[in-house]
Amino acid sequence: MKWLWKNKRDEENTVIRNKSRLVAKGYAQKEGVDFEESFAPVARLEAVRLFIAYTTYKSFTVYQMDVKTTFLYGPLKEEVYVNQPDGFVDPYHPDKVYPLKKALYGLKQAPSSRGTDLYSITLQDTSSPNPICLMGEAKRKSFQTKTIPSSKRRLQLLFMDLCGPMRVESINGKKNVLVIVDDYSRYTCTHFLRSKDETPKVLIDFLRLVQRGLHVQVRTVRTDKGTKFLNKTLHAYFAAEGINHQTSVDRTPEQNGVVERQNRILVEAARTMLSAAKVPLFFWAEAIATACFTQNCSLVIPRHEKTPYHIIND
């Protein structure tokens, strides 16, 4: 048996998680001799809760099965030996192995201090917490909801985000939707794109059109750090027009949460409209545009007691 180590990365190639797994060499294992039917511990907590609730409702009896190859619960009745993990090899005894007493994942084996039960815990474990474990269990403080936008006028702050690609192309061959929300009026604009490469041109044309039509200068644009927004074309345009380009921090969508929530609202509204009308899915772009227009002309913003359409055109 051998430990495999892997780094999980996000879309920006930043390491966000370190994973380890204990595996056996495939050529040395034979079904029926070295192992039987095997299962992986991949059940989600929601599925377990649903299963327990259903069995309780039906008054079923639930038995806990001991599967040899999962090492989920109960004591280990068979001897399992593991190679020393890479990076943690004893320099004086590199050829020695150690018996597996507890969990499979991570460096949690402590044969001298733990019992044979996989989920047993000793008093020494609770009295001296591991700093790595404490760091892994730490939670980030939640963001406070802003009831009143900080913008004082139209086009002072624009939130932008690109949603897609969609699984089904629209009737015009579009697969992405660019959503733009004005922070002051909460007026929403949507632009449908065939590919993400069209984002700079469509965005520049939109900013020129809206500034000339409303006779107002755009002050700040906030997006994520995707390459569709971070490129030389948009950087040169923002510098020439005096527009401040803000980007959200990695893995912090709350900083661009206005347009992130609007994306979800529009997509869910479009999905509901298509399902209720029994319309083919390639009309999703028309459904999103209809939902956006309806919200702009019907929802009343409590701060102004007007609809976004009236606020943006005042």
Protein backbone atom coordinates (compact mmCIF):
# COMPACT_ATOMS: atom_id res chain seq x y z
CA MET A 1 0.00 0.00 0.00
CA LYS A 2 1.15 3.55 -0.68
CA TRP A 3 0.16 7.14 0.08
CA LEU A 4 -0.73 9.41 -2.85
CA TRP A 5 -0.53 13.18 -2.39
CA LYS A 6 -2.33 15.71 -4.59
CA ASN A 7 -2.84 19.48 -4.57
CA LYS A 8 -6.30 20.74 -5.53
CA ARG A 9 -6.20 24.06 -7.37
CA ASP A 10 -8.82 26.66 -8.28
CA GLU A 11 -9.41 28.35 -11.63
CA GLU A 12 -6.42 30.64 -11.01
CA ASN A 13 -4.07 27.71 -10.37
CA THR A 14 -3.84 28.55 -6.65
CA VAL A 15 -3.50 25.64 -4.22
CA ILE A 16 -6.67 25.56 -2.10
CA ARG A 17 -6.51 22.07 -0.60
CA ASN A 18 -4.01 19.29 0.04
CA LYS A 19 -5.43 15.80 -0.40
CA SER A 20 -4.00 12.41 0.48
CA ARG A 21 -5.23 8.92 -0.23
CA LEU A 22 -4.06 5.45 0.72
CA VAL A 23 -4.12 3.08 -2.26
CA ALA A 24 -2.93 -0.39 -3.11
CA LYS A 25 -0.92 -1.32 -6.18
CA GLY A 26 -3.35 -2.61 -8.75
CA TYR A 27 -1.12 -5.29 -10.25
CA ALA A 28 -0.62 -6.89 -6.82
CA GLN A 29 -4.33 -7.22 -6.02
CA LYS A 30 -6.64 -9.93 -7.33
CA GLU A 31 -10.41 -9.92 -6.89
CA GLY A 32 -11.57 -12.74 -4.68
CA VAL A 33 -8.07 -13.27 -3.29
CA ASP A 34 -6.85 -9.92 -1.98
CA PHE A 35 -10.16 -8.08 -1.89
CA GLU A 36 -13.87 -8.56 -2.41
CA GLU A 37 -16.57 -6.03 -3.31
CA SER A 38 -15.35 -2.62 -2.18
CA PHE A 39 -17.09 0.64 -1.41
CA ALA A 40 -15.83 4.20 -1.01
CA PRO A 41 -16.94 6.51 1.84
CA VAL A 42 -18.48 9.17 -0.41
CA ALA A 43 -21.98 9.47 1.10
CA ARG A 44 -22.98 13.06 1.79
CA LEU A 45 -24.42 14.07 5.14
CA GLU A 46 -27.68 15.13 3.47
CA ALA A 47 -28.11 11.64 2.03
CA VAL A 48 -27.48 10.04 5.42
CA ARG A 49 -30.06 12.30 7.07
CA LEU A 50 -32.61 11.53 4.37
CA PHE A 51 -31.97 7.80 4.75
CA ILE A 52 -32.38 7.91 8.54
CA ALA A 53 -35.56 10.01 8.28
CA TYR A 54 -37.08 7.59 5.76
CA THR A 55 -36.22 4.53 7.83
CA THR A 56 -37.71 6.17 10.92
CA TYR A 57 -40.90 7.03 9.03
CA LYS A 58 -41.23 3.44 7.78
CA SER A 59 -40.16 1.95 11.15
CA PHE A 60 -37.37 0.02 9.45
CA THR A 61 -34.50 -1.56 11.35
CA VAL A 62 -31.07 -0.27 10.37
CA TYR A 63 -27.97 -2.44 10.72
CA GLN A 64 -24.41 -1.19 10.59
CA MET A 65 -22.43 -3.39 8.22
CA ASP A 66 -18.70 -3.90 8.60
CA VAL A 67 -17.09 -3.71 5.15
CA LYS A 68 -13.44 -4.71 5.18
CA THR A 69 -12.22 -2.30 2.52
CA THR A 70 -13.80 0.91 3.81
CA PHE A 71 -12.57 1.09 7.43
CA LEU A 72 -15.55 3.28 8.38
CA TYR A 73 -16.65 2.15 11.84
CA GLY A 74 -15.86 -0.48 14.42
CA PRO A 75 -12.56 -2.18 15.26
CA LEU A 76 -10.12 -3.45 12.67
CA LYS A 77 -10.12 -7.24 12.79
CA GLU A 78 -7.42 -7.64 10.15
CA GLU A 79 -3.82 -6.50 10.16
CA VAL A 80 -3.15 -3.68 7.68
CA TYR A 81 0.34 -2.29 7.16
CA VAL A 82 1.13 1.00 5.44
CA ASN A 83 4.33 2.34 3.91
CA GLN A 84 5.81 5.44 5.47
CA PRO A 85 4.36 8.56 3.77
CA ASP A 86 6.60 10.58 1.46
CA GLY A 87 8.29 13.34 3.40
CA PHE A 88 7.82 11.54 6.73
CA VAL A 89 10.20 8.61 6.26
CA ASP A 90 12.29 7.61 9.26
CA PRO A 91 15.90 8.11 8.09
CA TYR A 92 17.14 5.38 10.44
CA HIS A 93 14.49 2.83 9.44
CA PRO A 94 13.36 3.67 5.87
CA ASP A 95 12.24 0.12 5.06
CA LYS A 96 9.90 -0.31 8.02
CA VAL A 97 6.10 -0.09 7.82
CA TYR A 98 3.53 0.69 10.49
CA PRO A 99 0.18 -0.97 11.30
CA LEU A 100 -2.99 0.91 10.46
CA LYS A 101 -5.01 1.46 13.61
CA LYS A 102 -7.45 4.22 12.74
CA ALA A 103 -8.43 6.42 9.77
CA LEU A 104 -7.26 6.05 6.19
CA TYR A 105 -6.95 9.71 5.26
CA GLY A 106 -4.24 12.02 6.56
CA LEU A 107 -1.56 11.38 9.15
CA LYS A 108 -3.92 10.30 11.92
CA GLN A 109 -2.38 6.95 12.81
CA ALA A 110 -1.05 6.75 16.38
CA PRO A 111 -0.82 3.06 17.31
CA SER A 112 0.66 3.70 20.74
CA SER A 113 -2.07 5.99 22.01
CA ARG A 114 -5.24 5.01 20.15
CA GLY A 115 -7.43 1.96 20.26
CA THR A 116 -8.58 -0.24 17.42
CA ASP A 117 -11.86 1.63 17.04
CA LEU A 118 -11.66 3.95 14.05
CA TYR A 119 -13.63 6.74 15.68
CA SER A 120 -12.38 6.44 19.26
CA ILE A 121 -10.68 9.47 20.81
CA THR A 122 -8.57 9.68 23.93
CA LEU A 123 -8.33 12.33 26.62
CA GLN A 124 -4.84 13.30 25.43
CA ASP A 125 -6.26 14.15 22.02
CA THR A 126 -8.73 16.64 23.48
CA SER A 127 -6.33 18.23 25.96
CA SER A 128 -3.70 19.20 23.35
CA PRO A 129 -5.36 20.26 20.08
CA ASN A 130 -3.28 20.16 16.94
CA PRO A 131 -2.71 23.67 15.51
CA ILE A 132 -3.12 22.33 11.98
CA CYS A 133 -6.52 20.88 12.90
CA LEU A 134 -7.55 24.15 14.54
CA MET A 135 -6.56 26.03 11.40
CA GLY A 136 -8.55 23.63 9.23
CA GLU A 137 -11.65 24.01 11.41
CA ALA A 138 -11.45 27.82 11.47
CA LYS A 139 -14.29 29.64 9.76
CA ARG A 140 -14.19 33.00 8.09
CA LYS A 141 -16.39 35.69 9.57
CA SER A 142 -19.56 36.21 7.56
CA PHE A 143 -20.12 39.41 5.60
CA GLN A 144 -22.61 41.93 6.92
CA THR A 145 -25.47 42.76 4.58
CA LYS A 146 -25.60 46.39 3.45
CA THR A 147 -29.15 47.70 3.58
CA ILE A 148 -28.32 50.97 1.79
CA PRO A 149 -25.94 51.11 -1.20
CA SER A 150 -22.91 53.35 -0.81
CA SER A 151 -23.36 54.96 -4.25
CA LYS A 152 -24.73 58.50 -4.31
CA ARG A 153 -25.58 58.76 -8.01
CA ARG A 154 -26.18 56.76 -11.17
CA LEU A 155 -23.24 54.87 -12.72
CA GLN A 156 -21.00 55.60 -9.75
CA LEU A 157 -20.44 51.86 -9.28
CA LEU A 158 -21.21 49.07 -11.75
CA PHE A 159 -21.08 45.38 -10.81
CA MET A 160 -20.25 43.01 -13.67
CA ASP A 161 -20.08 39.26 -14.02
CA LEU A 162 -20.08 36.74 -16.86
CA CYS A 163 -22.28 33.68 -16.47
CA GLY A 164 -21.64 30.63 -18.63
CA PRO A 165 -21.04 28.80 -20.78
CA MET A 166 -24.54 27.37 -20.74
CA ARG A 167 -25.10 23.73 -21.52
CA VAL A 168 -27.46 24.56 -24.39
CA GLU A 169 -26.83 27.25 -27.00
CA SER A 170 -29.50 29.88 -27.49
CA ILE A 171 -31.46 30.13 -30.72
CA ASN A 172 -28.84 32.64 -31.93
CA GLY A 173 -25.87 30.48 -30.95
CA LYS A 174 -25.06 32.33 -27.69
CA LYS A 175 -23.73 30.45 -24.65
CA ASN A 176 -22.71 33.21 -22.20
CA VAL A 177 -24.51 36.12 -20.58
CA LEU A 178 -22.83 39.29 -19.30
CA VAL A 179 -24.81 40.80 -16.41
CA ILE A 180 -24.25 44.43 -15.37
CA VAL A 181 -25.93 45.98 -12.30
CA ASP A 182 -25.90 49.66 -11.31
CA ASP A 183 -25.37 49.91 -7.55
CA TYR A 184 -27.42 53.11 -7.12
CA SER A 185 -30.56 52.20 -9.07
CA ARG A 186 -30.13 48.40 -9.19
CA TYR A 187 -30.92 48.61 -12.90
CA THR A 188 -29.75 45.43 -14.64
CA CYS A 189 -28.48 44.98 -18.20
CA THR A 190 -27.80 41.68 -19.95
CA HIS A 191 -25.67 40.99 -23.03
CA PHE A 192 -25.43 37.56 -24.63
CA LEU A 193 -22.10 36.38 -26.05
CA ARG A 194 -21.00 33.47 -28.19
CA SER A 195 -17.69 33.20 -26.35
CA LYS A 196 -15.95 34.89 -23.44
CA ASP A 197 -13.48 36.48 -25.84
CA GLU A 198 -16.21 38.93 -26.89
CA THR A 199 -16.37 40.42 -23.38
CA PRO A 200 -13.94 43.37 -23.85
CA LYS A 201 -15.58 44.65 -27.05
CA VAL A 202 -19.15 44.27 -25.75
CA LEU A 203 -18.25 45.91 -22.44
CA ILE A 204 -16.52 48.90 -24.06
CA ASP A 205 -19.45 49.45 -26.44
CA PHE A 206 -21.88 49.31 -23.52
CA LEU A 207 -19.94 51.81 -21.41
CA ARG A 208 -19.68 54.27 -24.31
CA LEU A 209 -23.37 53.96 -25.08
CA VAL A 210 -24.61 54.36 -21.51
CA GLN A 211 -22.34 57.32 -20.75
CA ARG A 212 -23.44 59.19 -23.87
CA GLY A 213 -27.10 58.33 -23.39
CA LEU A 214 -27.32 59.31 -19.72
CA HIS A 215 -24.65 62.06 -19.84
CA VAL A 216 -23.03 60.59 -16.72
CA GLN A 217 -19.47 59.38 -16.24
CA VAL A 218 -18.90 55.85 -14.94
CA ARG A 219 -16.72 56.10 -11.86
CA THR A 220 -15.98 52.50 -10.76
CA VAL A 221 -16.35 49.03 -12.26
CA ARG A 222 -16.16 45.95 -10.01
CA THR A 223 -15.56 42.44 -11.40
CA ASP A 224 -13.85 39.21 -10.46
CA LYS A 225 -10.27 38.36 -11.45
CA GLY A 226 -11.14 36.35 -14.54
CA THR A 227 -9.05 36.90 -17.66
CA LYS A 228 -12.17 38.09 -19.45
CA PHE A 229 -11.95 41.29 -17.36
CA LEU A 230 -8.21 41.43 -16.68
CA ASN A 231 -6.70 42.05 -20.11
CA LYS A 232 -4.78 44.76 -21.93
CA THR A 233 -7.79 45.96 -23.93
CA LEU A 234 -9.97 46.78 -20.93
CA HIS A 235 -7.00 48.05 -18.91
CA ALA A 236 -6.15 50.58 -21.62
CA TYR A 237 -9.78 51.68 -21.97
CA PHE A 238 -10.30 52.13 -18.23
CA ALA A 239 -7.08 54.15 -17.99
CA ALA A 240 -8.08 56.39 -20.91
CA GLU A 241 -11.60 57.02 -19.56
CA GLY A 242 -10.53 57.48 -15.93
CA ILE A 243 -12.57 54.50 -14.71
CA ASN A 244 -11.45 52.75 -11.53
CA HIS A 245 -11.42 48.97 -11.99
CA GLN A 246 -11.92 47.04 -8.74
CA THR A 247 -11.55 43.26 -8.47
CA SER A 248 -12.84 40.95 -5.77
CA VAL A 249 -10.46 38.92 -3.61
CA ASP A 250 -9.91 35.26 -4.51
CA ARG A 251 -12.66 32.94 -3.23
CA THR A 252 -14.62 35.94 -1.89
CA PRO A 253 -17.66 36.30 -4.16
CA GLU A 254 -19.40 38.37 -1.47
CA GLN A 255 -17.47 41.43 -2.63
CA ASN A 256 -19.25 41.13 -5.97
CA GLY A 257 -22.37 39.67 -4.43
CA VAL A 258 -24.87 42.10 -5.99
CA VAL A 259 -24.36 40.78 -9.50
CA GLU A 260 -23.70 37.21 -8.31
CA ARG A 261 -27.15 37.08 -6.71
CA GLN A 262 -28.70 38.74 -9.75
CA ASN A 263 -27.19 36.04 -11.96
CA ARG A 264 -28.85 33.34 -9.89
CA ILE A 265 -32.18 35.19 -9.80
CA LEU A 266 -32.27 35.63 -13.58
CA VAL A 267 -31.25 32.04 -14.32
CA GLU A 268 -33.80 30.60 -11.88
CA ALA A 269 -36.54 32.87 -13.22
CA ALA A 270 -35.72 31.85 -16.79
CA ARG A 271 -35.69 28.18 -15.86
CA THR A 272 -39.10 28.53 -14.19
CA MET A 273 -40.58 30.35 -17.19
CA LEU A 274 -39.32 27.73 -19.65
CA SER A 275 -40.59 24.88 -17.51
CA ALA A 276 -44.04 26.43 -16.96
CA ALA A 277 -44.50 27.30 -20.64
CA LYS A 278 -42.96 23.99 -21.82
CA VAL A 279 -40.65 25.88 -24.16
CA PRO A 280 -37.42 24.34 -25.54
CA LEU A 281 -34.26 25.15 -23.62
CA PHE A 282 -32.64 27.04 -26.51
CA PHE A 283 -34.97 29.95 -25.65
CA TRP A 284 -33.09 30.53 -22.37
CA ALA A 285 -31.61 33.84 -23.60
CA GLU A 286 -35.05 35.24 -24.42
CA ALA A 287 -36.32 34.08 -21.02
CA ILE A 288 -33.45 35.80 -19.18
CA ALA A 289 -33.97 39.02 -21.16
CA THR A 290 -37.70 38.94 -20.35
CA ALA A 291 -37.05 38.36 -16.64
CA CYS A 292 -34.52 41.22 -16.58
CA PHE A 293 -36.91 43.64 -18.31
CA THR A 294 -39.76 42.67 -15.96
CA GLN A 295 -37.64 43.30 -12.87
CA ASN A 296 -36.39 46.66 -14.12
CA CYS A 297 -39.93 47.89 -14.77
CA SER A 298 -41.87 46.35 -11.88
CA LEU A 299 -39.73 46.03 -8.74
CA VAL A 300 -39.83 49.12 -6.51
CA ILE A 301 -36.61 50.11 -4.72
CA PRO A 302 -37.60 51.11 -1.14
CA ARG A 303 -34.82 53.68 -0.91
CA HIS A 304 -36.20 55.69 -3.84
CA GLU A 305 -39.78 54.36 -3.98
CA LYS A 306 -39.31 53.98 -7.73
CA THR A 307 -38.53 51.21 -10.15
CA PRO A 308 -34.95 50.80 -11.45
CA TYR A 309 -36.13 51.94 -14.88
CA HIS A 310 -37.39 55.28 -13.54
CA ILE A 311 -34.32 55.79 -11.33
CA ILE A 312 -31.79 55.25 -14.11
CA ASN A 313 -33.68 57.57 -16.48
CA ASP A 314 -34.33 60.43 -14.04
